[in-house]
N, C-alpha and C. Protein backbone atom coordinates (compact mmCIF):
# COMPACT_ATOMS: atom_id res chain seq x y z
N MET A 1 96.75 76.68 83.74
CA MET A 1 97.58 75.99 84.08
C MET A 1 98.92 76.33 84.89
N TYR A 2 99.47 77.39 84.22
CA TYR A 2 100.90 77.92 84.73
C TYR A 2 100.54 79.24 85.73
N ASN A 3 99.39 79.65 85.73
CA ASN A 3 99.10 80.86 86.84
C ASN A 3 98.88 80.15 88.04
N SER A 4 98.34 79.12 88.21
CA SER A 4 98.47 78.59 89.40
C SER A 4 99.77 78.18 89.95
N MET A 5 100.70 77.58 89.29
CA MET A 5 101.85 77.25 89.82
C MET A 5 102.63 78.64 89.94
N PHE A 6 102.50 79.47 89.21
CA PHE A 6 103.43 80.89 89.51
C PHE A 6 102.88 81.35 90.65
N ILE A 7 101.54 81.47 91.10
CA ILE A 7 101.21 81.95 92.25
C ILE A 7 101.49 81.14 93.22
N SER A 8 101.44 79.80 93.40
CA SER A 8 102.12 78.96 94.52
C SER A 8 103.41 79.19 94.82
N ALA A 9 104.16 79.33 93.59
CA ALA A 9 105.75 79.58 93.86
C ALA A 9 105.90 80.73 94.49
N ILE A 10 105.16 81.84 94.30
CA ILE A 10 105.37 83.16 94.76
C ILE A 10 104.98 83.14 96.28
N ILE A 11 103.77 82.51 96.56
CA ILE A 11 103.40 82.11 98.02
C ILE A 11 104.51 81.57 98.71
N SER A 12 104.92 80.60 98.27
CA SER A 12 106.04 79.70 99.09
C SER A 12 107.35 80.50 99.17
N MET A 13 107.71 81.34 98.05
CA MET A 13 108.92 82.51 98.25
C MET A 13 108.81 83.25 99.31
N ILE A 14 107.48 83.85 99.53
CA ILE A 14 107.36 84.90 100.40
C ILE A 14 107.32 84.15 101.88
N LEU A 15 106.66 83.04 101.88
CA LEU A 15 106.99 82.41 103.22
C LEU A 15 108.17 82.07 103.60
N TRP A 16 109.07 81.53 102.85
CA TRP A 16 110.63 81.39 102.99
C TRP A 16 111.19 82.69 103.54
N ILE A 17 111.15 83.70 102.86
CA ILE A 17 111.41 85.07 103.20
C ILE A 17 111.08 85.12 104.58
N LEU A 18 109.73 84.94 104.92
CA LEU A 18 109.11 85.50 106.29
C LEU A 18 109.82 84.60 107.29
N VAL A 19 109.97 83.53 106.94
CA VAL A 19 110.87 82.50 108.04
C VAL A 19 112.28 82.82 108.13
N SER A 20 112.85 83.14 107.14
CA SER A 20 114.35 83.57 107.33
C SER A 20 114.43 84.96 108.04
N ASN A 21 113.59 85.96 107.85
CA ASN A 21 113.51 87.03 108.75
C ASN A 21 113.34 86.72 110.31
N ASN A 22 112.07 85.75 110.55
CA ASN A 22 111.81 85.53 111.94
C ASN A 22 112.76 84.63 112.35
N LEU A 23 113.51 83.88 111.76
CA LEU A 23 114.60 82.98 112.36
C LEU A 23 115.77 83.85 112.80
N MET A 24 115.96 85.13 112.18
CA MET A 24 117.35 85.91 112.56
C MET A 24 116.39 86.88 113.82
N SER A 25 115.30 87.24 113.72
CA SER A 25 114.77 88.08 114.88
C SER A 25 114.46 87.20 116.30
N ALA A 26 114.05 86.01 116.04
CA ALA A 26 113.58 85.07 117.06
C ALA A 26 114.98 84.61 117.73
N SER A 27 115.99 84.51 117.09
CA SER A 27 117.43 84.20 117.83
C SER A 27 117.71 85.39 118.98
N LYS A 28 116.96 86.67 118.74
CA LYS A 28 117.24 87.76 119.67
C LYS A 28 116.31 87.74 120.75
N THR A 29 114.95 87.40 120.21
CA THR A 29 113.85 87.71 121.22
C THR A 29 113.38 86.53 121.83
N LYS A 30 113.85 85.43 121.41
CA LYS A 30 113.52 84.04 121.99
C LYS A 30 111.89 83.65 121.82
N SER A 31 111.23 84.17 120.86
CA SER A 31 109.94 83.77 120.41
C SER A 31 109.94 82.93 119.34
N LYS A 32 110.09 81.58 119.62
CA LYS A 32 109.95 80.43 118.64
C LYS A 32 108.81 79.96 118.15
N GLY A 33 107.55 80.33 118.62
CA GLY A 33 106.28 79.60 118.32
C GLY A 33 105.80 79.95 116.94
N LEU A 34 105.94 81.39 116.76
CA LEU A 34 105.60 82.01 115.60
C LEU A 34 106.55 81.41 114.40
N VAL A 35 107.68 81.30 114.73
CA VAL A 35 108.94 80.89 113.73
C VAL A 35 108.46 79.37 113.33
N TYR A 36 108.17 78.80 114.37
CA TYR A 36 107.88 77.23 114.05
C TYR A 36 106.56 77.09 113.10
N THR A 37 105.65 78.19 113.30
CA THR A 37 104.39 77.90 112.78
C THR A 37 104.59 78.44 111.09
N LEU A 38 105.47 79.41 111.06
CA LEU A 38 105.64 79.92 109.77
C LEU A 38 106.50 78.80 108.98
N PHE A 39 107.37 78.18 109.66
CA PHE A 39 108.51 77.21 108.95
C PHE A 39 107.53 75.91 108.63
N SER A 40 106.61 75.60 109.54
CA SER A 40 105.80 74.39 108.92
C SER A 40 105.10 74.84 107.83
N ALA A 41 104.26 75.87 107.69
CA ALA A 41 103.68 76.50 106.75
C ALA A 41 104.32 76.59 105.39
N SER A 42 105.56 77.06 105.51
CA SER A 42 106.16 77.26 104.20
C SER A 42 106.90 75.81 103.84
N VAL A 43 107.11 74.84 104.84
CA VAL A 43 107.40 73.51 104.28
C VAL A 43 106.21 72.60 103.70
N ILE A 44 104.97 73.07 104.30
CA ILE A 44 103.77 72.57 103.64
C ILE A 44 103.49 73.00 102.33
N SER A 45 103.61 74.39 102.12
CA SER A 45 103.47 74.95 100.69
C SER A 45 104.40 74.50 99.89
N THR A 46 105.71 74.22 100.20
CA THR A 46 106.64 73.82 99.07
C THR A 46 106.45 72.39 98.68
N VAL A 47 105.65 71.67 99.73
CA VAL A 47 105.46 70.10 99.29
C VAL A 47 104.27 70.02 98.24
N PHE A 48 103.33 70.91 98.70
CA PHE A 48 101.99 71.02 97.85
C PHE A 48 102.59 71.45 96.43
N LEU A 49 103.51 72.21 96.37
CA LEU A 49 104.12 73.01 94.96
C LEU A 49 104.96 71.66 94.27
N LEU A 50 105.81 71.15 95.09
CA LEU A 50 106.52 69.87 94.42
C LEU A 50 105.41 69.00 93.87
N VAL A 51 104.49 68.55 94.72
CA VAL A 51 103.47 67.56 94.04
C VAL A 51 102.64 68.09 93.26
N PHE A 52 102.39 69.50 93.03
CA PHE A 52 101.64 70.17 91.90
C PHE A 52 102.38 69.98 90.67
N ILE A 53 103.51 70.32 90.80
CA ILE A 53 104.49 70.42 89.59
C ILE A 53 104.75 68.97 89.05
N PHE A 54 104.81 68.00 89.98
CA PHE A 54 104.97 66.45 89.48
C PHE A 54 103.71 66.36 88.82
N ARG A 55 102.59 66.37 89.28
CA ARG A 55 101.20 66.04 88.69
C ARG A 55 101.29 66.74 87.31
N LYS A 56 101.51 67.85 87.12
CA LYS A 56 101.35 68.62 86.07
C LYS A 56 102.35 67.93 85.03
N LEU A 57 103.52 67.87 85.49
CA LEU A 57 104.56 67.21 84.51
C LEU A 57 104.25 65.74 84.19
N GLN A 58 103.36 65.00 85.06
CA GLN A 58 103.04 63.60 84.59
C GLN A 58 101.96 63.80 83.53
N LEU A 59 101.03 64.70 83.75
CA LEU A 59 100.02 64.66 82.89
C LEU A 59 100.66 65.30 81.60
N PHE A 60 101.48 66.08 81.24
CA PHE A 60 102.14 66.75 80.00
C PHE A 60 102.82 65.34 79.70
N LEU A 61 103.47 64.54 80.27
CA LEU A 61 104.36 63.49 79.68
C LEU A 61 103.46 62.48 79.21
N ASN A 62 102.30 62.20 79.92
CA ASN A 62 101.33 61.31 79.38
C ASN A 62 100.70 61.70 78.12
N LEU A 63 100.63 62.83 77.71
CA LEU A 63 99.97 63.36 76.55
C LEU A 63 101.21 63.24 75.50
């Protein structure tokens, strides 16, 4: 139960780090396609993580 939450949290943190690094480099090189792709992927993973945590919390509170 907690292993998948931990793994998804690590994945979303790595994606946010990649996005912040690529935003800083893309402001110099003007290559924004990869930045938008990584940004949308990190937003989607964060939303999935929040939904997953909410469902686990709901199951825990129902018990």
